[in-house]
Protein backbone atom coordinates (compact mmCIF):
# COMPACT_ATOMS: atom_id res chain seq x y z
CA UNK A 1 0.00 0.00 0.00
CA UNK A 2 1.37 3.41 -0.91
CA UNK A 3 1.76 6.15 1.69
CA UNK A 4 -1.03 8.13 0.02
CA UNK A 5 -3.40 5.13 0.08
CA UNK A 6 -2.52 4.46 3.72
CA UNK A 7 -3.23 8.10 4.63
CA UNK A 8 -6.61 7.96 2.87
CA UNK A 9 -7.48 4.75 4.73
CA UNK A 10 -6.50 6.37 8.05
CA UNK A 11 -8.68 9.39 7.28
CA UNK A 12 -11.65 7.15 6.42
CA UNK A 13 -11.21 5.10 9.60
CA UNK A 14 -10.94 8.26 11.74
CA UNK A 15 -14.11 9.66 10.17
CA UNK A 16 -16.01 6.37 10.71
CA UNK A 17 -14.70 6.08 14.27
CA UNK A 18 -15.89 9.55 15.26
CA UNK A 19 -19.21 9.30 13.42
CA UNK A 20 -19.92 5.83 14.86
CA UNK A 21 -18.99 6.41 18.49
CA UNK A 22 -15.81 4.37 18.19
CA UNK A 23 -17.19 1.73 15.82
CA UNK A 24 -15.81 1.18 12.33
CA UNK A 25 -16.55 -1.27 9.55
CA UNK A 26 -14.52 -3.08 6.96
CA UNK A 27 -11.26 -4.77 7.87
CA UNK A 28 -11.23 -3.13 11.32
CA UNK A 29 -14.81 -4.02 12.33
CA UNK A 30 -13.79 -6.71 14.84
CA UNK A 31 -10.79 -4.89 16.33
CA UNK A 32 -10.47 -2.71 19.39
CA UNK A 33 -9.39 0.64 17.96
CA UNK A 34 -8.43 3.91 19.51
CA UNK A 35 -7.45 7.23 18.02
CA UNK A 36 -4.11 8.55 19.20
CA UNK A 37 -3.30 12.22 18.67
CA UNK A 38 0.34 13.19 18.98
CA UNK A 39 2.34 16.34 18.31
CA UNK A 40 4.54 16.05 15.24
CA UNK A 41 8.21 15.87 16.27
CA UNK A 42 9.32 18.01 13.32
CA UNK A 43 6.19 20.01 12.50
CA UNK A 44 4.65 20.64 15.91
CA UNK A 45 1.26 19.91 14.31
CA UNK A 46 -1.30 17.50 15.75
CA UNK A 47 -1.41 14.11 14.04
CA UNK A 48 -4.13 11.52 14.65
CA UNK A 49 -3.65 7.80 14.06
CA UNK A 50 -6.14 4.93 14.33
CA UNK A 51 -4.44 2.10 16.22
CA UNK A 52 -5.34 -1.34 17.49
CA UNK A 53 -4.77 -1.65 21.21
CA UNK A 54 -4.96 -4.00 24.16
CA UNK A 55 -5.77 -3.23 27.76
CA UNK A 56 -3.30 -3.99 30.53
CA UNK A 57 -5.16 -3.10 33.70
CA UNK A 58 -5.81 0.64 33.51
CA UNK A 59 -3.27 1.07 30.72
CA UNK A 60 -3.83 1.03 26.98
CA UNK A 61 -1.07 -0.71 25.06
CA UNK A 62 -0.27 0.01 21.42
CA UNK A 63 2.46 -1.64 19.41
CA UNK A 64 4.86 0.24 17.11
CA UNK A 65 5.24 -2.72 14.75
CA UNK A 66 4.34 -0.60 11.69
CA UNK A 67 2.77 -3.52 9.87
CA UNK A 68 6.09 -5.35 9.67
CA UNK A 69 7.85 -2.53 7.83
CA UNK A 70 11.51 -1.97 8.81
CA UNK A 71 10.98 1.44 10.47
CA UNK A 72 8.91 2.47 13.46
CA UNK A 73 5.73 4.43 12.64
CA UNK A 74 5.60 8.22 12.75
CA UNK A 75 3.41 8.30 15.85
CA UNK A 76 6.10 6.39 17.77
CA UNK A 77 8.75 8.99 16.91
CA UNK A 78 6.32 11.75 17.84
CA UNK A 79 5.68 10.21 21.27
CA UNK A 80 9.38 9.68 21.94
CA UNK A 81 9.95 13.39 21.20
CA UNK A 82 6.85 14.49 23.15
CA UNK A 83 5.13 11.79 25.23
CA UNK A 84 1.99 13.88 25.82
CA UNK A 85 -0.93 12.90 23.64
CA UNK A 86 -4.67 12.37 23.51
CA UNK A 87 -6.58 9.11 23.18
CA UNK A 88 -10.13 8.55 21.98
CA UNK A 89 -11.82 5.26 22.86
CA UNK A 90 -15.47 4.97 21.95
CA UNK A 91 -16.97 8.38 22.70
CA UNK A 92 -14.47 9.26 25.44
CA UNK A 93 -11.35 11.41 25.02
CA UNK A 94 -8.60 11.97 27.58
CA UNK A 95 -4.97 13.09 27.79
CA UNK A 96 -2.24 10.46 28.05
CA UNK A 97 1.47 10.32 28.69
CA UNK A 98 3.26 7.61 26.72
CA UNK A 99 5.88 5.33 28.17
CA UNK A 100 8.00 3.05 26.00
CA UNK A 101 7.80 -0.46 27.43
CA UNK A 102 10.98 -2.39 28.09
CA UNK A 103 11.94 -5.65 29.71
CA UNK A 104 9.32 -8.05 31.03
PDB file of N, CA and C in Angstrom:
ATOM      1  N   UNK A   1       0.845  -1.168   0.000  1.00  0.00           N
ATOM      2  CA  UNK A   1       0.000   0.000   0.000  1.00  0.00           C
ATOM      3  C   UNK A   1       0.894   1.236   0.000  1.00  0.00           C
ATOM      4  N   UNK A   2       0.580   2.184  -0.849  1.00  0.00           N
ATOM      5  CA  UNK A   2       1.369   3.409  -0.910  1.00  0.00           C
ATOM      6  C   UNK A   2       1.081   4.279   0.312  1.00  0.00           C
ATOM      7  N   UNK A   3       1.971   5.230   0.576  1.00  0.00           N
ATOM      8  CA  UNK A   3       1.761   6.148   1.693  1.00  0.00           C
ATOM      9  C   UNK A   3       0.479   6.952   1.513  1.00  0.00           C
ATOM     10  N   UNK A   4       0.179   7.353   0.287  1.00  0.00           N
ATOM     11  CA  UNK A   4      -1.033   8.130   0.023  1.00  0.00           C
ATOM     12  C   UNK A   4      -2.274   7.281   0.287  1.00  0.00           C
ATOM     13  N   UNK A   5      -2.266   6.031  -0.169  1.00  0.00           N
ATOM     14  CA  UNK A   5      -3.396   5.134   0.075  1.00  0.00           C
ATOM     15  C   UNK A   5      -3.565   4.869   1.567  1.00  0.00           C
ATOM     16  N   UNK A   6      -2.467   4.696   2.279  1.00  0.00           N
ATOM     17  CA  UNK A   6      -2.516   4.462   3.724  1.00  0.00           C
ATOM     18  C   UNK A   6      -3.095   5.686   4.434  1.00  0.00           C
ATOM     19  N   UNK A   7      -2.697   6.872   4.020  1.00  0.00           N
ATOM     20  CA  UNK A   7      -3.226   8.097   4.632  1.00  0.00           C
ATOM     21  C   UNK A   7      -4.726   8.228   4.381  1.00  0.00           C
ATOM     22  N   UNK A   8      -5.173   7.913   3.180  1.00  0.00           N
ATOM     23  CA  UNK A   8      -6.613   7.957   2.872  1.00  0.00           C
ATOM     24  C   UNK A   8      -7.386   6.959   3.736  1.00  0.00           C
ATOM     25  N   UNK A   9      -6.841   5.756   3.887  1.00  0.00           N
ATOM     26  CA  UNK A   9      -7.479   4.755   4.727  1.00  0.00           C
ATOM     27  C   UNK A   9      -7.575   5.256   6.165  1.00  0.00           C
ATOM     28  N   UNK A  10      -6.495   5.821   6.687  1.00  0.00           N
ATOM     29  CA  UNK A  10      -6.503   6.367   8.045  1.00  0.00           C
ATOM     30  C   UNK A  10      -7.584   7.426   8.187  1.00  0.00           C
ATOM     31  N   UNK A  11      -7.680   8.326   7.219  1.00  0.00           N
ATOM     32  CA  UNK A  11      -8.681   9.387   7.276  1.00  0.00           C
ATOM     33  C   UNK A  11     -10.091   8.814   7.281  1.00  0.00           C
ATOM     34  N   UNK A  12     -10.330   7.783   6.462  1.00  0.00           N
ATOM     35  CA  UNK A  12     -11.651   7.146   6.422  1.00  0.00           C
ATOM     36  C   UNK A  12     -11.976   6.467   7.754  1.00  0.00           C
ATOM     37  N   UNK A  13     -11.001   5.778   8.332  1.00  0.00           N
ATOM     38  CA  UNK A  13     -11.213   5.097   9.604  1.00  0.00           C
ATOM     39  C   UNK A  13     -11.485   6.126  10.701  1.00  0.00           C
ATOM     40  N   UNK A  14     -10.742   7.213  10.734  1.00  0.00           N
ATOM     41  CA  UNK A  14     -10.941   8.264  11.737  1.00  0.00           C
ATOM     42  C   UNK A  14     -12.347   8.841  11.610  1.00  0.00           C
ATOM     43  N   UNK A  15     -12.773   9.107  10.396  1.00  0.00           N
ATOM     44  CA  UNK A  15     -14.108   9.656  10.168  1.00  0.00           C
ATOM     45  C   UNK A  15     -15.186   8.672  10.640  1.00  0.00           C
ATOM     46  N   UNK A  16     -15.050   7.391  10.278  1.00  0.00           N
ATOM     47  CA  UNK A  16     -16.015   6.375  10.711  1.00  0.00           C
ATOM     48  C   UNK A  16     -16.028   6.235  12.230  1.00  0.00           C
ATOM     49  N   UNK A  17     -14.851   6.230  12.827  1.00  0.00           N
ATOM     50  CA  UNK A  17     -14.704   6.085  14.272  1.00  0.00           C
ATOM     51  C   UNK A  17     -15.472   7.191  14.989  1.00  0.00           C
ATOM     52  N   UNK A  18     -15.246   8.417  14.592  1.00  0.00           N
ATOM     53  CA  UNK A  18     -15.892   9.552  15.261  1.00  0.00           C
ATOM     54  C   UNK A  18     -17.385   9.606  14.975  1.00  0.00           C
ATOM     55  N   UNK A  19     -17.787   9.286  13.766  1.00  0.00           N
ATOM     56  CA  UNK A  19     -19.213   9.299  13.417  1.00  0.00           C
ATOM     57  C   UNK A  19     -19.960   8.149  14.085  1.00  0.00           C
ATOM     58  N   UNK A  20     -19.279   7.036  14.319  1.00  0.00           N
ATOM     59  CA  UNK A  20     -19.917   5.835  14.859  1.00  0.00           C
ATOM     60  C   UNK A  20     -19.662   5.595  16.322  1.00  0.00           C
ATOM     61  N   UNK A  21     -19.222   6.588  17.067  1.00  0.00           N
ATOM     62  CA  UNK A  21     -18.990   6.408  18.494  1.00  0.00           C
ATOM     63  C   UNK A  21     -17.932   5.378  18.812  1.00  0.00           C
ATOM     64  N   UNK A  22     -16.917   5.297  17.961  1.00  0.00           N
ATOM     65  CA  UNK A  22     -15.814   4.373  18.186  1.00  0.00           C
ATOM     66  C   UNK A  22     -15.922   3.088  17.398  1.00  0.00           C
ATOM     67  N   UNK A  23     -16.998   2.927  16.640  1.00  0.00           N
ATOM     68  CA  UNK A  23     -17.187   1.726  15.822  1.00  0.00           C
ATOM     69  C   UNK A  23     -16.812   2.018  14.373  1.00  0.00           C
ATOM     70  N   UNK A  24     -16.155   1.069  13.747  1.00  0.00           N
ATOM     71  CA  UNK A  24     -15.811   1.185  12.332  1.00  0.00           C
ATOM     72  C   UNK A  24     -16.180  -0.116  11.636  1.00  0.00           C
ATOM     73  N   UNK A  25     -16.231  -0.073  10.317  1.00  0.00           N
ATOM     74  CA  UNK A  25     -16.546  -1.265   9.549  1.00  0.00           C
ATOM     75  C   UNK A  25     -15.329  -1.757   8.799  1.00  0.00           C
ATOM     76  N   UNK A  26     -15.583  -2.582   7.819  1.00  0.00           N
ATOM     77  CA  UNK A  26     -14.517  -3.083   6.960  1.00  0.00           C
ATOM     78  C   UNK A  26     -13.537  -3.962   7.711  1.00  0.00           C
ATOM     79  N   UNK A  27     -12.289  -3.884   7.318  1.00  0.00           N
ATOM     80  CA  UNK A  27     -11.257  -4.766   7.871  1.00  0.00           C
ATOM     81  C   UNK A  27     -10.992  -4.540   9.356  1.00  0.00           C
ATOM     82  N   UNK A  28     -11.468  -3.429   9.902  1.00  0.00           N
ATOM     83  CA  UNK A  28     -11.227  -3.127  11.317  1.00  0.00           C
ATOM     84  C   UNK A  28     -12.466  -3.339  12.189  1.00  0.00           C
ATOM     85  N   UNK A  29     -13.532  -3.900  11.632  1.00  0.00           N
ATOM     86  CA  UNK A  29     -14.807  -4.020  12.332  1.00  0.00           C
ATOM     87  C   UNK A  29     -14.704  -4.828  13.624  1.00  0.00           C
ATOM     88  N   UNK A  30     -13.882  -5.831  13.661  1.00  0.00           N
ATOM     89  CA  UNK A  30     -13.786  -6.711  14.838  1.00  0.00           C
ATOM     90  C   UNK A  30     -12.616  -6.370  15.754  1.00  0.00           C
ATOM     91  N   UNK A  31     -11.977  -5.246  15.539  1.00  0.00           N
ATOM     92  CA  UNK A  31     -10.790  -4.895  16.330  1.00  0.00           C
ATOM     93  C   UNK A  31     -11.108  -3.779  17.321  1.00  0.00           C
ATOM     94  N   UNK A  32     -10.401  -3.820  18.441  1.00  0.00           N
ATOM     95  CA  UNK A  32     -10.471  -2.708  19.386  1.00  0.00           C
ATOM     96  C   UNK A  32      -9.568  -1.614  18.858  1.00  0.00           C
ATOM     97  N   UNK A  33     -10.165  -0.481  18.490  1.00  0.00           N
ATOM     98  CA  UNK A  33      -9.393   0.637  17.958  1.00  0.00           C
ATOM     99  C   UNK A  33      -9.494   1.838  18.868  1.00  0.00           C
ATOM    100  N   UNK A  34      -8.434   2.602  18.872  1.00  0.00           N
ATOM    101  CA  UNK A  34      -8.430   3.908  19.511  1.00  0.00           C
ATOM    102  C   UNK A  34      -7.869   4.896  18.516  1.00  0.00           C
ATOM    103  N   UNK A  35      -8.099   6.161  18.789  1.00  0.00           N
ATOM    104  CA  UNK A  35      -7.454   7.230  18.024  1.00  0.00           C
ATOM    105  C   UNK A  35      -6.432   7.872  18.931  1.00  0.00           C
ATOM    106  N   UNK A  36      -5.207   7.940  18.465  1.00  0.00           N
ATOM    107  CA  UNK A  36      -4.112   8.554  19.203  1.00  0.00           C
ATOM    108  C   UNK A  36      -3.721   9.842  18.486  1.00  0.00           C
ATOM    109  N   UNK A  37      -3.748  10.944  19.222  1.00  0.00           N
ATOM    110  CA  UNK A  37      -3.305  12.220  18.666  1.00  0.00           C
ATOM    111  C   UNK A  37      -1.995  12.596  19.341  1.00  0.00           C
ATOM    112  N   UNK A  38      -0.988  12.821  18.514  1.00  0.00           N
ATOM    113  CA  UNK A  38       0.343  13.193  18.979  1.00  0.00           C
ATOM    114  C   UNK A  38       0.706  14.555  18.391  1.00  0.00           C
ATOM    115  N   UNK A  39       1.788  15.112  18.877  1.00  0.00           N
ATOM    116  CA  UNK A  39       2.339  16.339  18.311  1.00  0.00           C
ATOM    117  C   UNK A  39       3.509  15.953  17.428  1.00  0.00           C
ATOM    118  N   UNK A  40       3.481  16.385  16.175  1.00  0.00           N
ATOM    119  CA  UNK A  40       4.544  16.054  15.239  1.00  0.00           C
ATOM    120  C   UNK A  40       5.907  16.489  15.751  1.00  0.00           C
ATOM    121  N   UNK A  41       6.874  15.582  15.752  1.00  0.00           N
ATOM    122  CA  UNK A  41       8.211  15.873  16.268  1.00  0.00           C
ATOM    123  C   UNK A  41       8.903  16.976  15.468  1.00  0.00           C
ATOM    124  N   UNK A  42       8.689  16.999  14.166  1.00  0.00           N
ATOM    125  CA  UNK A  42       9.321  18.013  13.322  1.00  0.00           C
ATOM    126  C   UNK A  42       8.417  19.213  13.073  1.00  0.00           C
ATOM    127  N   UNK A  43       7.105  18.953  12.921  1.00  0.00           N
ATOM    128  CA  UNK A  43       6.189  20.013  12.500  1.00  0.00           C
ATOM    129  C   UNK A  43       5.528  20.741  13.654  1.00  0.00           C
ATOM    130  N   UNK A  44       5.383  20.058  14.793  1.00  0.00           N
ATOM    131  CA  UNK A  44       4.647  20.639  15.906  1.00  0.00           C
ATOM    132  C   UNK A  44       3.135  20.601  15.701  1.00  0.00           C
ATOM    133  N   UNK A  45       2.689  19.996  14.612  1.00  0.00           N
ATOM    134  CA  UNK A  45       1.259  19.910  14.313  1.00  0.00           C
ATOM    135  C   UNK A  45       0.671  18.628  14.893  1.00  0.00           C
ATOM    136  N   UNK A  46      -0.617  18.690  15.257  1.00  0.00           N
ATOM    137  CA  UNK A  46      -1.301  17.504  15.750  1.00  0.00           C
ATOM    138  C   UNK A  46      -1.464  16.488  14.629  1.00  0.00           C
ATOM    139  N   UNK A  47      -1.253  15.223  14.974  1.00  0.00           N
ATOM    140  CA  UNK A  47      -1.413  14.111  14.045  1.00  0.00           C
ATOM    141  C   UNK A  47      -2.246  13.045  14.739  1.00  0.00           C
ATOM    142  N   UNK A  48      -3.266  12.543  14.066  1.00  0.00           N
ATOM    143  CA  UNK A  48      -4.133  11.519  14.647  1.00  0.00           C
ATOM    144  C   UNK A  48      -3.973  10.226  13.870  1.00  0.00           C
ATOM    145  N   UNK A  49      -3.886   9.126  14.635  1.00  0.00           N
ATOM    146  CA  UNK A  49      -3.654   7.805  14.059  1.00  0.00           C
ATOM    147  C   UNK A  49      -4.659   6.823  14.635  1.00  0.00           C
ATOM    148  N   UNK A  50      -5.329   6.024  13.810  1.00  0.00           N
ATOM    149  CA  UNK A  50      -6.140   4.926  14.333  1.00  0.00           C
ATOM    150  C   UNK A  50      -5.224   3.739  14.622  1.00  0.00           C
ATOM    151  N   UNK A  51      -5.320   3.195  15.816  1.00  0.00           N
ATOM    152  CA  UNK A  51      -4.441   2.104  16.218  1.00  0.00           C
ATOM    153  C   UNK A  51      -5.219   1.009  16.937  1.00  0.00           C
ATOM    154  N   UNK A  52      -4.840  -0.226  16.687  1.00  0.00           N
ATOM    155  CA  UNK A  52      -5.341  -1.337  17.486  1.00  0.00           C
ATOM    156  C   UNK A  52      -4.657  -1.250  18.849  1.00  0.00           C
ATOM    157  N   UNK A  53      -5.361  -1.706  19.869  1.00  0.00           N
ATOM    158  CA  UNK A  53      -4.773  -1.648  21.210  1.00  0.00           C
ATOM    159  C   UNK A  53      -5.240  -2.835  22.032  1.00  0.00           C
ATOM    160  N   UNK A  54      -4.555  -3.020  23.151  1.00  0.00           N
ATOM    161  CA  UNK A  54      -4.956  -4.003  24.161  1.00  0.00           C
ATOM    162  C   UNK A  54      -4.929  -3.306  25.508  1.00  0.00           C
ATOM    163  N   UNK A  55      -5.772  -3.764  26.389  1.00  0.00           N
ATOM    164  CA  UNK A  55      -5.770  -3.231  27.758  1.00  0.00           C
ATOM    165  C   UNK A  55      -4.822  -4.061  28.618  1.00  0.00           C
ATOM    166  N   UNK A  56      -4.133  -3.362  29.518  1.00  0.00           N
ATOM    167  CA  UNK A  56      -3.299  -3.991  30.534  1.00  0.00           C
ATOM    168  C   UNK A  56      -3.650  -3.291  31.835  1.00  0.00           C
ATOM    169  N   UNK A  57      -4.644  -3.805  32.525  1.00  0.00           N
ATOM    170  CA  UNK A  57      -5.159  -3.101  33.704  1.00  0.00           C
ATOM    171  C   UNK A  57      -5.774  -1.786  33.267  1.00  0.00           C
ATOM    172  N   UNK A  58      -5.310  -0.694  33.867  1.00  0.00           N
ATOM    173  CA  UNK A  58      -5.809   0.639  33.509  1.00  0.00           C
ATOM    174  C   UNK A  58      -5.086   1.226  32.302  1.00  0.00           C
ATOM    175  N   UNK A  59      -4.066   0.545  31.827  1.00  0.00           N
ATOM    176  CA  UNK A  59      -3.267   1.068  30.716  1.00  0.00           C
ATOM    177  C   UNK A  59      -3.792   0.581  29.375  1.00  0.00           C
ATOM    178  N   UNK A  60      -3.567   1.403  28.362  1.00  0.00           N
ATOM    179  CA  UNK A  60      -3.833   1.026  26.980  1.00  0.00           C
ATOM    180  C   UNK A  60      -2.494   0.796  26.321  1.00  0.00           C
ATOM    181  N   UNK A  61      -2.344  -0.348  25.666  1.00  0.00           N
ATOM    182  CA  UNK A  61      -1.069  -0.709  25.063  1.00  0.00           C
ATOM    183  C   UNK A  61      -1.221  -0.716  23.547  1.00  0.00           C
ATOM    184  N   UNK A  62      -0.344   0.021  22.879  1.00  0.00           N
ATOM    185  CA  UNK A  62      -0.274   0.013  21.417  1.00  0.00           C
ATOM    186  C   UNK A  62       1.118  -0.473  21.032  1.00  0.00           C
ATOM    187  N   UNK A  63       1.217  -1.028  19.841  1.00  0.00           N
ATOM    188  CA  UNK A  63       2.462  -1.638  19.405  1.00  0.00           C
ATOM    189  C   UNK A  63       2.981  -0.918  18.174  1.00  0.00           C
ATOM    190  N   UNK A  64       4.244  -0.516  18.210  1.00  0.00           N
ATOM    191  CA  UNK A  64       4.859   0.238  17.109  1.00  0.00           C
ATOM    192  C   UNK A  64       5.480  -0.707  16.092  1.00  0.00           C
ATOM    193  N   UNK A  65       4.725  -1.718  15.684  1.00  0.00           N
ATOM    194  CA  UNK A  65       5.236  -2.718  14.748  1.00  0.00           C
ATOM    195  C   UNK A  65       5.228  -2.220  13.306  1.00  0.00           C
ATOM    196  N   UNK A  66       4.404  -1.230  13.018  1.00  0.00           N
ATOM    197  CA  UNK A  66       4.337  -0.599  11.688  1.00  0.00           C
ATOM    198  C   UNK A  66       4.042  -1.606  10.581  1.00  0.00           C
ATOM    199  N   UNK A  67       3.179  -2.562  10.889  1.00  0.00           N
ATOM    200  CA  UNK A  67       2.772  -3.524   9.868  1.00  0.00           C
ATOM    201  C   UNK A  67       3.912  -4.360   9.318  1.00  0.00           C
ATOM    202  N   UNK A  68       4.961  -4.539  10.108  1.00  0.00           N
ATOM    203  CA  UNK A  68       6.094  -5.346   9.670  1.00  0.00           C
ATOM    204  C   UNK A  68       7.116  -4.594   8.831  1.00  0.00           C
ATOM    205  N   UNK A  69       6.880  -3.311   8.590  1.00  0.00           N
ATOM    206  CA  UNK A  69       7.855  -2.525   7.826  1.00  0.00           C
ATOM    207  C   UNK A  69       9.104  -2.305   8.684  1.00  0.00           C
ATOM    208  N   UNK A  70      10.244  -2.017   8.069  1.00  0.00           N
ATOM    209  CA  UNK A  70      11.506  -1.971   8.808  1.00  0.00           C
ATOM    210  C   UNK A  70      11.679  -0.772   9.747  1.00  0.00           C
ATOM    211  N   UNK A  71      10.831   0.242   9.635  1.00  0.00           N
ATOM    212  CA  UNK A  71      10.984   1.437  10.474  1.00  0.00           C
ATOM    213  C   UNK A  71       9.784   1.600  11.392  1.00  0.00           C
ATOM    214  N   UNK A  72      10.004   2.201  12.530  1.00  0.00           N
ATOM    215  CA  UNK A  72       8.905   2.471  13.458  1.00  0.00           C
ATOM    216  C   UNK A  72       7.966   3.507  12.824  1.00  0.00           C
ATOM    217  N   UNK A  73       6.685   3.483  13.212  1.00  0.00           N
ATOM    218  CA  UNK A  73       5.725   4.433  12.637  1.00  0.00           C
ATOM    219  C   UNK A  73       5.962   5.857  13.137  1.00  0.00           C
ATOM    220  N   UNK A  74       5.432   6.807  12.401  1.00  0.00           N
ATOM    221  CA  UNK A  74       5.599   8.219  12.750  1.00  0.00           C
ATOM    222  C   UNK A  74       5.088   8.554  14.135  1.00  0.00           C
ATOM    223  N   UNK A  75       3.959   7.974  14.543  1.00  0.00           N
ATOM    224  CA  UNK A  75       3.412   8.302  15.851  1.00  0.00           C
ATOM    225  C   UNK A  75       4.366   7.900  16.972  1.00  0.00           C
ATOM    226  N   UNK A  76       5.125   6.823  16.767  1.00  0.00           N
ATOM    227  CA  UNK A  76       6.097   6.386  17.773  1.00  0.00           C
ATOM    228  C   UNK A  76       7.181   7.465  17.952  1.00  0.00           C
ATOM    229  N   UNK A  77       7.709   7.945  16.846  1.00  0.00           N
ATOM    230  CA  UNK A  77       8.746   8.991  16.913  1.00  0.00           C
ATOM    231  C   UNK A  77       8.196  10.260  17.548  1.00  0.00           C
ATOM    232  N   UNK A  78       6.939  10.578  17.232  1.00  0.00           N
ATOM    233  CA  UNK A  78       6.318  11.752  17.841  1.00  0.00           C
ATOM    234  C   UNK A  78       6.220  11.600  19.354  1.00  0.00           C
ATOM    235  N   UNK A  79       5.826  10.417  19.826  1.00  0.00           N
ATOM    236  CA  UNK A  79       5.682  10.209  21.267  1.00  0.00           C
ATOM    237  C   UNK A  79       7.022  10.157  21.986  1.00  0.00           C
ATOM    238  N   UNK A  80       8.049   9.664  21.317  1.00  0.00           N
ATOM    239  CA  UNK A  80       9.382   9.682  21.938  1.00  0.00           C
ATOM    240  C   UNK A  80       9.832  11.138  22.128  1.00  0.00           C
ATOM    241  N   UNK A  81       9.561  11.975  21.124  1.00  0.00           N
ATOM    242  CA  UNK A  81       9.948  13.388  21.203  1.00  0.00           C
ATOM    243  C   UNK A  81       9.075  14.161  22.190  1.00  0.00           C
ATOM    244  N   UNK A  82       7.791  13.811  22.259  1.00  0.00           N
ATOM    245  CA  UNK A  82       6.853  14.494  23.146  1.00  0.00           C
ATOM    246  C   UNK A  82       5.822  13.470  23.610  1.00  0.00           C
ATOM    247  N   UNK A  83       5.996  12.886  24.798  1.00  0.00           N
ATOM    248  CA  UNK A  83       5.132  11.792  25.229  1.00  0.00           C
ATOM    249  C   UNK A  83       3.689  12.179  25.562  1.00  0.00           C
ATOM    250  N   UNK A  84       3.368  13.456  25.558  1.00  0.00           N
ATOM    251  CA  UNK A  84       1.993  13.878  25.820  1.00  0.00           C
ATOM    252  C   UNK A  84       1.148  13.673  24.568  1.00  0.00           C
ATOM    253  N   UNK A  85      -0.030  13.116  24.760  1.00  0.00           N
ATOM    254  CA  UNK A  85      -0.934  12.901  23.637  1.00  0.00           C
ATOM    255  C   UNK A  85      -2.364  12.858  24.119  1.00  0.00           C
ATOM    256  N   UNK A  86      -3.254  12.519  23.198  1.00  0.00           N
ATOM    257  CA  UNK A  86      -4.669  12.371  23.510  1.00  0.00           C
ATOM    258  C   UNK A  86      -5.150  11.057  22.915  1.00  0.00           C
ATOM    259  N   UNK A  87      -6.016  10.366  23.650  1.00  0.00           N
ATOM    260  CA  UNK A  87      -6.581   9.109  23.180  1.00  0.00           C
ATOM    261  C   UNK A  87      -8.098   9.243  23.129  1.00  0.00           C
ATOM    262  N   UNK A  88      -8.679   8.661  22.083  1.00  0.00           N
ATOM    263  CA  UNK A  88     -10.126   8.548  21.975  1.00  0.00           C
ATOM    264  C   UNK A  88     -10.458   7.058  21.932  1.00  0.00           C
ATOM    265  N   UNK A  89     -11.315   6.632  22.838  1.00  0.00           N
ATOM    266  CA  UNK A  89     -11.819   5.263  22.860  1.00  0.00           C
ATOM    267  C   UNK A  89     -13.336   5.372  22.959  1.00  0.00           C
ATOM    268  N   UNK A  90     -14.023   4.800  21.989  1.00  0.00           N
ATOM    269  CA  UNK A  90     -15.474   4.965  21.950  1.00  0.00           C
ATOM    270  C   UNK A  90     -15.813   6.433  21.804  1.00  0.00           C
ATOM    271  N   UNK A  91     -16.594   6.950  22.736  1.00  0.00           N
ATOM    272  CA  UNK A  91     -16.967   8.377  22.703  1.00  0.00           C
ATOM    273  C   UNK A  91     -16.189   9.195  23.725  1.00  0.00           C
ATOM    274  N   UNK A  92     -15.251   8.566  24.412  1.00  0.00           N
ATOM    275  CA  UNK A  92     -14.467   9.262  25.437  1.00  0.00           C
ATOM    276  C   UNK A  92     -13.114   9.705  24.901  1.00  0.00           C
ATOM    277  N   UNK A  93     -12.654  10.852  25.386  1.00  0.00           N
ATOM    278  CA  UNK A  93     -11.346  11.407  25.024  1.00  0.00           C
ATOM    279  C   UNK A  93     -10.649  11.842  26.301  1.00  0.00           C
ATOM    280  N   UNK A  94      -9.351  11.516  26.418  1.00  0.00           N
ATOM    281  CA  UNK A  94      -8.601  11.968  27.577  1.00  0.00           C
ATOM    282  C   UNK A  94      -7.121  12.093  27.232  1.00  0.00           C
ATOM    283  N   UNK A  95      -6.407  12.923  28.017  1.00  0.00           N
ATOM    284  CA  UNK A  95      -4.971  13.086  27.789  1.00  0.00           C
ATOM    285  C   UNK A  95      -4.203  11.871  28.303  1.00  0.00           C
ATOM    286  N   UNK A  96      -3.094  11.566  27.641  1.00  0.00           N
ATOM    287  CA  UNK A  96      -2.240  10.458  28.051  1.00  0.00           C
ATOM    288  C   UNK A  96      -0.785  10.900  28.027  1.00  0.00           C
ATOM    289  N   UNK A  97       0.020  10.151  28.748  1.00  0.00           N
ATOM    290  CA  UNK A  97       1.469  10.316  28.689  1.00  0.00           C
ATOM    291  C   UNK A  97       2.047   8.951  28.334  1.00  0.00           C
ATOM    292  N   UNK A  98       2.732   8.882  27.214  1.00  0.00           N
ATOM    293  CA  UNK A  98       3.258   7.609  26.718  1.00  0.00           C
ATOM    294  C   UNK A  98       4.525   7.215  27.459  1.00  0.00           C
ATOM    295  N   UNK A  99       4.670   5.919  27.615  1.00  0.00           N
ATOM    296  CA  UNK A  99       5.875   5.329  28.170  1.00  0.00           C
ATOM    297  C   UNK A  99       6.269   4.174  27.261  1.00  0.00           C
ATOM    298  N   UNK A 100       7.523   4.151  26.837  1.00  0.00           N
ATOM    299  CA  UNK A 100       8.002   3.050  25.999  1.00  0.00           C
ATOM    300  C   UNK A 100       8.271   1.865  26.909  1.00  0.00           C
ATOM    301  N   UNK A 101       7.630   0.748  26.615  1.00  0.00           N
ATOM    302  CA  UNK A 101       7.798  -0.462  27.429  1.00  0.00           C
ATOM    303  C   UNK A 101       9.171  -1.068  27.179  1.00  0.00           C
ATOM    304  N   UNK A 102       9.716  -1.679  28.229  1.00  0.00           N
ATOM    305  CA  UNK A 102      10.982  -2.389  28.094  1.00  0.00           C
ATOM    306  C   UNK A 102      11.010  -3.538  29.083  1.00  0.00           C
ATOM    307  N   UNK A 103      11.812  -4.508  28.818  1.00  0.00           N
ATOM    308  CA  UNK A 103      11.943  -5.651  29.705  1.00  0.00           C
ATOM    309  C   UNK A 103      10.671  -6.473  29.769  1.00  0.00           C
ATOM    310  N   UNK A 104      10.511  -7.213  30.856  1.00  0.00           N
ATOM    311  CA  UNK A 104       9.316  -8.047  31.031  1.00  0.00           C
ATOM    312  C   UNK A 104       8.146  -7.159  31.270  1.00  0.00           C
TER     313      UNK A 104
END
